Amino acid sequence: MEMAAIGFGEAQIEILDQATNFCRERSPIDKVRELMDSDTGFDAALWTEMAELGWMGIAIPEAHGGIGLSLADVVPVAEQMGRNMLSSPFAATTLAAQALLAGGTEAQQSEWLPKLASGTIATLALQEEHGDWDLTHVEAKAVRNGDSITLSGKKLVVQWVEAAELIIATVSLDGAPALALITKADLPEGALRREAIIDETKRSAALTLDGISIPESQLLGPAKAGSALAHVELASGLLQAAEMCGGTQSVIDYTVDYLKTRTQFGKVIGSYQALKHPAVDAYVDYEKARSHLYSAAHSFGDQGAGEVAVRMAKASADKTYSFAADRAIQFHGGFGFTHDCDAGLHRRAAIFHASQMGDAAWQRAKLADLLFA
């Protein structure tokens, strides 16, 4: 299959410059650690600033209050957020908007997309206890009850749900996957239970659907559920690859600074080949992963080629981020295993990203089916 060239358009360059400066200035590592210990996990005032910059509306059409660009133009923002570990519901809200664009009715899009573009927080509830990355494997139920839909079951790792005004959840309706819009007002008391996850820069909760009843108008178009889930999976893979590439760049910079300043036996430790060579390997792999990322962004909307490119990007970024963070911990010696070493934060982020929508091995298996079937 012929792959598209790497694309880096003018809009992406402008957004990248803006995001680089903003994220570096507004998310220093001490702020990251401060938010890790906070209840909400993110800075509400900073979120408002991001909304005023128009970031939540980048890939939302102008007709619905957005900027009208593509998901490719969201990639530079996600990359710089990953580089600076900026904690926010940005990815969750962006993916919820993509679900509405791919599967929502005109009325649902008109109601919610302008709100999301202006900063209303939304999230997706897709994961269940079986842990299957196949998004069409849904055990949560939806049953028609007159003009309403009664829900049951449980969703896990629903990111930023405690701050969300809108949740888009997968349910099984008449034996087929469907997507349900659940508002904060629809949630009964006790429906959310905070989870402890490995990446402490994020927040998630388990969502119990039992007892939730919604009007049928809050179901996304049933005929579009399969295509909407396929779109969301690839969109998530693209944004995760972006965050991981940004995180890889950050952890490599952090490690190289240490290798150039730490001395042992009278020599700077970066002069030892046993440390120098893995650092170079990490950087070379990072450049490959970033090339895959922007190739995927460029070809995201191309049928066939777009899926191949995104899965390559996610697999490459997952492997590269894990390796770079792992080596960073090792090179920092005993300090690397403490909570005060920033390399550990990146390693935890890499593990969390691998757990979402398929790790590198799963992506490679999907690629084998696409390329060699």
Protein backbone atom coordinates (compact mmCIF):
# COMPACT_ATOMS: atom_id res chain seq x y z
CA MET A 1 0.00 0.00 0.00
CA GLU A 2 1.35 3.40 -0.98
CA MET A 3 1.70 5.67 2.04
CA ALA A 4 1.11 9.42 2.04
CA ALA A 5 4.01 11.78 2.47
CA ILE A 6 4.64 13.50 5.78
CA GLY A 7 2.58 16.67 5.90
CA PHE A 8 3.26 19.78 7.98
CA GLY A 9 0.94 22.56 6.86
CA GLU A 10 1.02 26.25 7.70
CA ALA A 11 -1.84 25.91 10.17
CA GLN A 12 0.02 23.13 12.00
CA ILE A 13 3.20 25.22 12.19
CA GLU A 14 1.31 28.19 13.62
CA ILE A 15 -0.56 26.02 16.14
CA LEU A 16 2.67 24.21 17.09
CA ASP A 17 4.45 27.51 17.84
CA GLN A 18 1.55 28.71 19.96
CA ALA A 19 1.17 25.39 21.80
CA THR A 20 4.92 25.08 22.41
CA ASN A 21 5.15 28.43 24.15
CA PHE A 22 1.86 28.12 26.03
CA CYS A 23 2.44 24.62 27.39
CA ARG A 24 6.06 25.31 28.35
CA GLU A 25 5.14 28.47 30.24
CA ARG A 26 1.90 27.26 31.83
CA SER A 27 2.82 23.67 32.70
CA PRO A 28 6.24 23.63 34.40
CA ILE A 29 7.03 20.41 36.24
CA ASP A 30 6.32 21.90 39.68
CA LYS A 31 2.81 22.82 38.48
CA VAL A 32 2.37 19.28 37.13
CA ARG A 33 3.25 17.81 40.51
CA GLU A 34 1.01 20.29 42.32
CA LEU A 35 -1.97 19.25 40.20
CA MET A 36 -1.19 15.56 40.80
CA ASP A 37 -2.01 16.16 44.46
CA SER A 38 -5.14 18.23 43.76
CA ASP A 39 -8.68 16.91 43.80
CA THR A 40 -9.66 17.79 40.22
CA GLY A 41 -6.27 17.08 38.62
CA PHE A 42 -6.39 20.11 36.32
CA ASP A 43 -6.39 23.91 36.48
CA ALA A 44 -9.87 25.25 35.66
CA ALA A 45 -8.52 28.74 34.92
CA LEU A 46 -5.98 27.30 32.51
CA TRP A 47 -8.73 25.28 30.82
CA THR A 48 -10.66 28.52 30.27
CA GLU A 49 -7.59 30.09 28.67
CA MET A 50 -7.23 27.10 26.35
CA ALA A 51 -10.87 27.44 25.34
CA GLU A 52 -10.34 31.14 24.60
CA LEU A 53 -7.43 30.17 22.36
CA GLY A 54 -9.89 28.04 20.41
CA TRP A 55 -8.11 24.73 20.98
CA MET A 56 -11.26 22.74 21.78
CA GLY A 57 -12.81 23.91 18.52
CA ILE A 58 -9.88 23.24 16.19
CA ALA A 59 -11.50 20.20 14.55
CA ILE A 60 -15.11 21.35 14.97
CA PRO A 61 -16.78 22.88 11.88
CA GLU A 62 -17.34 26.63 11.82
CA ALA A 63 -21.07 26.01 11.47
CA HIS A 64 -20.98 24.59 15.01
CA GLY A 65 -18.81 27.29 16.57
CA GLY A 66 -15.42 25.74 15.84
CA ILE A 67 -12.42 26.80 13.80
CA GLY A 68 -13.12 24.33 11.03
CA LEU A 69 -9.71 22.70 10.69
CA SER A 70 -9.00 18.97 10.82
CA LEU A 71 -7.89 16.51 13.47
CA ALA A 72 -4.40 16.74 11.96
CA ASP A 73 -4.27 20.31 13.27
CA VAL A 74 -5.02 19.09 16.81
CA VAL A 75 -1.86 16.93 16.76
CA PRO A 76 0.64 19.76 17.54
CA VAL A 77 -1.39 20.75 20.60
CA ALA A 78 -1.57 17.18 21.92
CA GLU A 79 2.15 16.73 21.25
CA GLN A 80 3.12 19.76 23.32
CA MET A 81 0.72 18.78 26.10
CA GLY A 82 2.47 15.42 26.29
CA ARG A 83 5.87 17.10 26.22
CA ASN A 84 4.96 19.26 29.22
CA MET A 85 2.57 16.78 30.89
CA LEU A 86 -0.17 19.41 30.86
CA SER A 87 -3.09 17.90 32.74
CA SER A 88 -6.49 18.66 31.22
CA PRO A 89 -9.59 17.02 29.71
CA PHE A 90 -8.45 18.19 26.24
CA ALA A 91 -8.13 14.77 24.58
CA ALA A 92 -11.31 13.45 26.19
CA THR A 93 -13.35 16.45 25.05
CA THR A 94 -11.84 16.39 21.56
CA LEU A 95 -12.68 12.70 21.15
CA ALA A 96 -16.24 13.24 22.38
CA ALA A 97 -16.62 15.93 19.71
CA GLN A 98 -15.30 13.49 17.11
CA ALA A 99 -17.86 10.90 18.22
CA LEU A 100 -20.63 13.46 17.75
CA LEU A 101 -19.31 14.44 14.33
CA ALA A 102 -19.08 10.81 13.22
CA GLY A 103 -22.28 9.45 14.74
CA GLY A 104 -24.50 12.20 16.07
CA THR A 105 -27.72 13.49 14.62
CA GLU A 106 -27.93 17.03 13.32
CA ALA A 107 -29.87 18.07 16.42
CA GLN A 108 -27.29 16.52 18.76
CA GLN A 109 -24.45 18.18 16.91
CA SER A 110 -26.19 21.56 16.96
CA GLU A 111 -26.83 21.27 20.69
CA TRP A 112 -23.46 20.04 21.90
CA LEU A 113 -20.67 20.93 19.47
CA PRO A 114 -20.84 24.70 20.08
CA LYS A 115 -20.68 24.01 23.83
CA LEU A 116 -17.65 21.74 23.47
CA ALA A 117 -15.92 24.28 21.21
CA SER A 118 -16.38 26.94 23.91
CA GLY A 119 -14.98 24.81 26.73
CA THR A 120 -17.71 22.50 28.05
CA ILE A 121 -15.98 19.29 29.17
CA ALA A 122 -17.04 15.94 27.73
CA THR A 123 -15.70 12.41 27.81
CA LEU A 124 -16.16 8.90 26.45
CA ALA A 125 -17.16 5.81 28.45
CA LEU A 126 -15.99 2.87 26.33
CA GLN A 127 -14.01 0.47 28.53
CA GLU A 128 -15.53 -2.38 30.52
CA GLU A 129 -14.37 -5.03 32.97
CA HIS A 130 -13.56 -7.55 30.22
CA GLY A 131 -10.70 -5.27 29.10
CA ASP A 132 -11.23 -5.97 25.39
CA TRP A 133 -9.86 -3.28 23.09
CA ASP A 134 -12.53 -4.16 20.52
CA LEU A 135 -14.93 -1.26 21.05
CA THR A 136 -17.84 -3.24 19.59
CA HIS A 137 -17.59 -5.77 22.44
CA VAL A 138 -20.12 -4.11 24.73
CA GLU A 139 -21.79 -5.73 27.73
CA ALA A 140 -23.52 -2.65 29.17
CA LYS A 141 -27.18 -2.78 28.20
CA ALA A 142 -29.78 -0.36 26.88
CA VAL A 143 -33.44 -1.38 26.90
CA ARG A 144 -36.34 0.56 25.40
CA ASN A 145 -38.98 1.43 27.95
CA GLY A 146 -41.70 3.38 26.17
CA ASP A 147 -40.15 6.62 24.92
CA SER A 148 -37.12 6.27 27.16
CA ILE A 149 -33.98 4.12 27.26
CA THR A 150 -32.98 2.39 30.50
CA LEU A 151 -29.27 1.69 30.94
CA SER A 152 -27.41 -0.88 33.02
CA GLY A 153 -23.83 -2.11 33.44
CA LYS A 154 -20.50 -0.55 34.34
CA LYS A 155 -17.84 1.47 32.53
CA LEU A 156 -14.25 1.74 33.72
CA VAL A 157 -11.48 4.33 33.25
CA VAL A 158 -13.85 7.09 32.21
CA GLN A 159 -11.37 9.94 32.05
CA TRP A 160 -12.16 13.35 33.60
CA VAL A 161 -15.80 12.26 34.08
CA GLU A 162 -16.15 14.08 37.39
CA ALA A 163 -15.67 17.39 35.57
CA ALA A 164 -17.67 16.43 32.47
CA GLU A 165 -21.05 17.84 31.52
CA LEU A 166 -21.50 15.18 28.82
CA ILE A 167 -20.62 11.49 28.68
CA ILE A 168 -20.88 9.42 25.50
CA ALA A 169 -21.14 5.76 26.48
CA THR A 170 -21.25 2.55 24.47
CA VAL A 171 -24.19 0.26 25.22
CA SER A 172 -25.70 -2.81 23.61
CA LEU A 173 -29.15 -2.06 22.17
CA ASP A 174 -31.11 -4.84 20.47
CA GLY A 175 -27.91 -6.88 20.27
CA ALA A 176 -25.86 -4.21 18.49
CA PRO A 177 -23.48 -1.48 19.75
CA ALA A 178 -25.00 1.96 20.26
CA LEU A 179 -23.83 5.28 21.66
CA ALA A 180 -25.77 7.08 24.39
CA LEU A 181 -25.50 10.72 25.42
CA ILE A 182 -25.56 11.00 29.21
CA THR A 183 -25.54 14.41 30.85
CA LYS A 184 -24.32 15.19 34.34
CA ALA A 185 -27.96 15.74 35.34
CA ASP A 186 -28.78 12.16 34.29
CA LEU A 187 -26.36 10.64 36.82
CA PRO A 188 -27.85 9.40 40.09
CA GLU A 189 -25.97 9.86 43.34
CA GLY A 190 -23.18 7.32 43.69
CA ALA A 191 -22.89 6.60 39.97
CA LEU A 192 -19.19 7.59 39.94
CA ARG A 193 -16.35 5.99 41.90
CA ARG A 194 -12.89 7.53 41.69
CA GLU A 195 -10.23 5.13 40.41
CA ALA A 196 -6.55 4.98 41.27
CA ILE A 197 -4.65 4.80 37.96
CA ILE A 198 -0.94 4.52 37.25
CA ASP A 199 -0.70 7.94 35.56
CA GLU A 200 -1.33 10.39 38.39
CA THR A 201 -1.48 13.36 36.01
CA LYS A 202 -4.92 12.14 34.89
CA ARG A 203 -8.21 11.45 36.62
CA SER A 204 -10.70 8.69 35.92
CA ALA A 205 -13.67 7.01 37.54
CA ALA A 206 -15.83 3.94 37.18
CA LEU A 207 -19.34 4.76 35.98
CA THR A 208 -22.30 2.62 37.03
CA LEU A 209 -25.11 2.90 34.49
CA ASP A 210 -27.71 1.06 36.58
CA GLY A 211 -30.80 3.18 37.08
CA ILE A 212 -29.96 5.78 34.43
CA SER A 213 -32.85 6.54 32.08
CA ILE A 214 -32.52 8.83 29.05
CA PRO A 215 -34.94 9.87 26.29
CA GLU A 216 -34.47 8.08 22.98
CA SER A 217 -33.38 11.40 21.46
CA GLN A 218 -30.13 10.99 23.43
CA LEU A 219 -29.11 7.96 21.39
CA LEU A 220 -26.69 8.73 18.59
CA GLY A 221 -27.75 7.52 15.16
CA PRO A 222 -27.82 3.69 15.63
CA ALA A 223 -26.85 3.02 12.01
CA LYS A 224 -23.68 5.06 12.47
CA ALA A 225 -22.47 3.45 15.72
CA GLY A 226 -19.98 1.07 14.09
CA SER A 227 -18.37 3.69 11.88
CA ALA A 228 -18.35 6.22 14.73
CA LEU A 229 -16.50 3.79 17.03
CA ALA A 230 -13.97 3.00 14.30
CA HIS A 231 -13.38 6.72 13.82
CA VAL A 232 -13.01 7.35 17.56
CA GLU A 233 -10.53 4.49 17.91
CA LEU A 234 -8.27 5.93 15.21
CA ALA A 235 -8.68 9.49 16.47
CA SER A 236 -7.68 8.33 19.94
CA GLY A 237 -4.66 6.48 18.55
CA LEU A 238 -3.53 9.60 16.71
CA LEU A 239 -3.80 11.88 19.75
CA GLN A 240 -2.15 9.33 22.02
CA ALA A 241 0.73 8.97 19.57
CA ALA A 242 1.08 12.76 19.64
CA GLU A 243 1.16 12.89 23.44
CA MET A 244 3.68 10.05 23.60
CA CYS A 245 5.97 11.66 21.02
CA GLY A 246 5.92 14.87 23.04
CA GLY A 247 6.63 12.94 26.23
CA THR A 248 9.50 11.09 24.54
CA GLN A 249 11.14 14.35 23.53
CA SER A 250 10.80 15.64 27.09
CA VAL A 251 12.23 12.56 28.80
CA ILE A 252 15.16 12.42 26.34
CA ASP A 253 15.99 16.08 27.06
CA TYR A 254 15.73 15.39 30.80
CA THR A 255 18.06 12.40 30.52
CA VAL A 256 20.66 14.07 28.31
CA ASP A 257 20.87 17.04 30.71
CA TYR A 258 21.59 14.57 33.51
CA LEU A 259 24.17 12.65 31.48
CA LYS A 260 26.02 15.90 30.75
CA THR A 261 26.19 17.04 34.38
CA ARG A 262 26.41 13.93 36.59
CA THR A 263 29.98 12.80 37.32
CA GLN A 264 31.21 9.42 38.53
CA PHE A 265 34.83 8.36 39.07
CA GLY A 266 35.90 11.81 37.94
CA LYS A 267 34.15 11.63 34.56
CA VAL A 268 30.84 12.91 33.21
CA ILE A 269 28.70 9.77 32.93
CA GLY A 270 27.51 10.75 29.46
CA SER A 271 30.99 9.98 28.18
CA TYR A 272 30.50 6.25 28.84
CA GLN A 273 29.42 4.30 25.78
CA ALA A 274 27.09 2.09 27.81
CA LEU A 275 24.98 5.20 28.46
CA LYS A 276 25.73 7.13 25.30
CA HIS A 277 24.56 4.47 22.84
CA PRO A 278 21.09 3.83 24.38
CA ALA A 279 20.52 7.60 24.55
CA VAL A 280 21.25 7.85 20.82
CA ASP A 281 19.01 4.84 20.12
CA ALA A 282 16.17 6.56 22.00
CA TYR A 283 16.62 9.75 19.99
CA VAL A 284 16.74 7.95 16.63
CA ASP A 285 13.58 6.02 17.54
CA TYR A 286 11.93 9.29 18.61
CA GLU A 287 12.62 10.85 15.21
CA LYS A 288 11.11 7.79 13.52
CA ALA A 289 8.05 7.90 15.78
CA ARG A 290 7.49 11.60 15.13
CA SER A 291 7.75 11.00 11.39
CA HIS A 292 5.11 8.29 11.72
CA LEU A 293 2.97 10.71 13.74
CA TYR A 294 2.89 13.48 11.18
CA SER A 295 2.49 11.02 8.34
CA ALA A 296 -0.57 9.68 10.16
CA ALA A 297 -1.88 13.20 10.75
CA HIS A 298 -1.43 14.01 7.07
CA SER A 299 -3.25 10.88 5.83
CA PHE A 300 -5.80 10.54 8.65
CA GLY A 301 -8.80 11.04 6.41
CA ASP A 302 -7.59 8.72 3.64
CA GLN A 303 -9.49 5.44 3.58
CA GLY A 304 -7.20 2.48 4.23
CA ALA A 305 -3.93 4.38 4.27
CA GLY A 306 -5.09 6.49 7.20
CA GLU A 307 -5.74 3.49 9.44
CA VAL A 308 -2.40 1.91 8.53
CA ALA A 309 -0.55 5.16 9.28
CA VAL A 310 -2.30 5.71 12.64
CA ARG A 311 -1.63 2.17 13.83
CA MET A 312 2.02 2.49 12.80
CA ALA A 313 2.23 5.79 14.67
CA LYS A 314 0.68 4.43 17.87
CA ALA A 315 2.85 1.29 17.85
CA SER A 316 6.01 3.29 17.19
CA ALA A 317 5.25 5.96 19.80
CA ASP A 318 4.33 3.36 22.44
CA LYS A 319 7.57 1.42 22.00
CA THR A 320 9.73 4.55 21.81
CA TYR A 321 8.23 6.33 24.83
CA SER A 322 8.49 3.21 26.97
CA PHE A 323 12.14 2.64 26.00
CA ALA A 324 13.20 6.26 26.52
CA ALA A 325 11.51 6.54 29.92
CA ASP A 326 12.83 3.15 31.03
CA ARG A 327 16.41 4.09 30.13
CA ALA A 328 15.97 7.44 31.88
CA ILE A 329 15.01 5.67 35.11
CA GLN A 330 17.96 3.29 34.77
CA PHE A 331 20.48 6.06 34.07
CA HIS A 332 19.37 8.03 37.12
CA GLY A 333 20.32 5.09 39.35
CA GLY A 334 18.59 4.79 42.71
CA PHE A 335 17.06 8.25 42.36
CA GLY A 336 15.36 7.10 39.17
CA PHE A 337 13.11 4.78 41.16
CA THR A 338 11.89 7.50 43.51
CA HIS A 339 8.75 9.58 43.11
CA ASP A 340 10.87 12.74 42.81
CA CYS A 341 12.45 11.66 39.52
CA ASP A 342 10.49 13.01 36.56
CA ALA A 343 11.45 10.01 34.44
CA GLY A 344 9.06 7.92 36.51
CA LEU A 345 6.17 10.19 35.61
CA HIS A 346 6.87 9.60 31.94
CA ARG A 347 7.17 5.83 32.41
CA ARG A 348 3.79 5.79 34.11
CA ALA A 349 2.29 7.88 31.33
CA ALA A 350 3.67 5.45 28.74
CA ILE A 351 2.11 2.49 30.56
CA PHE A 352 -1.25 4.25 30.77
CA HIS A 353 -1.29 5.17 27.08
CA ALA A 354 -0.45 1.57 26.18
CA SER A 355 -3.53 0.45 28.12
CA GLN A 356 -5.85 2.68 26.10
CA MET A 357 -7.22 1.50 22.74
CA GLY A 358 -4.46 -1.04 22.14
CA ASP A 359 -0.76 -1.31 22.93
CA ALA A 360 2.07 -1.67 20.40
CA ALA A 361 1.68 -5.46 20.06
CA TRP A 362 -2.06 -5.14 19.45
CA GLN A 363 -1.52 -2.40 16.87
CA ARG A 364 1.04 -4.56 15.04
CA ALA A 365 -1.43 -7.46 14.96
CA LYS A 366 -4.02 -5.16 13.41
CA LEU A 367 -1.42 -3.96 10.90
CA ALA A 368 -0.66 -7.55 9.91
CA ASP A 369 -4.33 -8.05 9.10
CA LEU A 370 -4.43 -4.85 7.07
CA LEU A 371 -1.20 -5.31 5.14
CA PHE A 372 -0.90 -9.07 4.65
CA ALA A 373 -4.45 -10.46 4.69
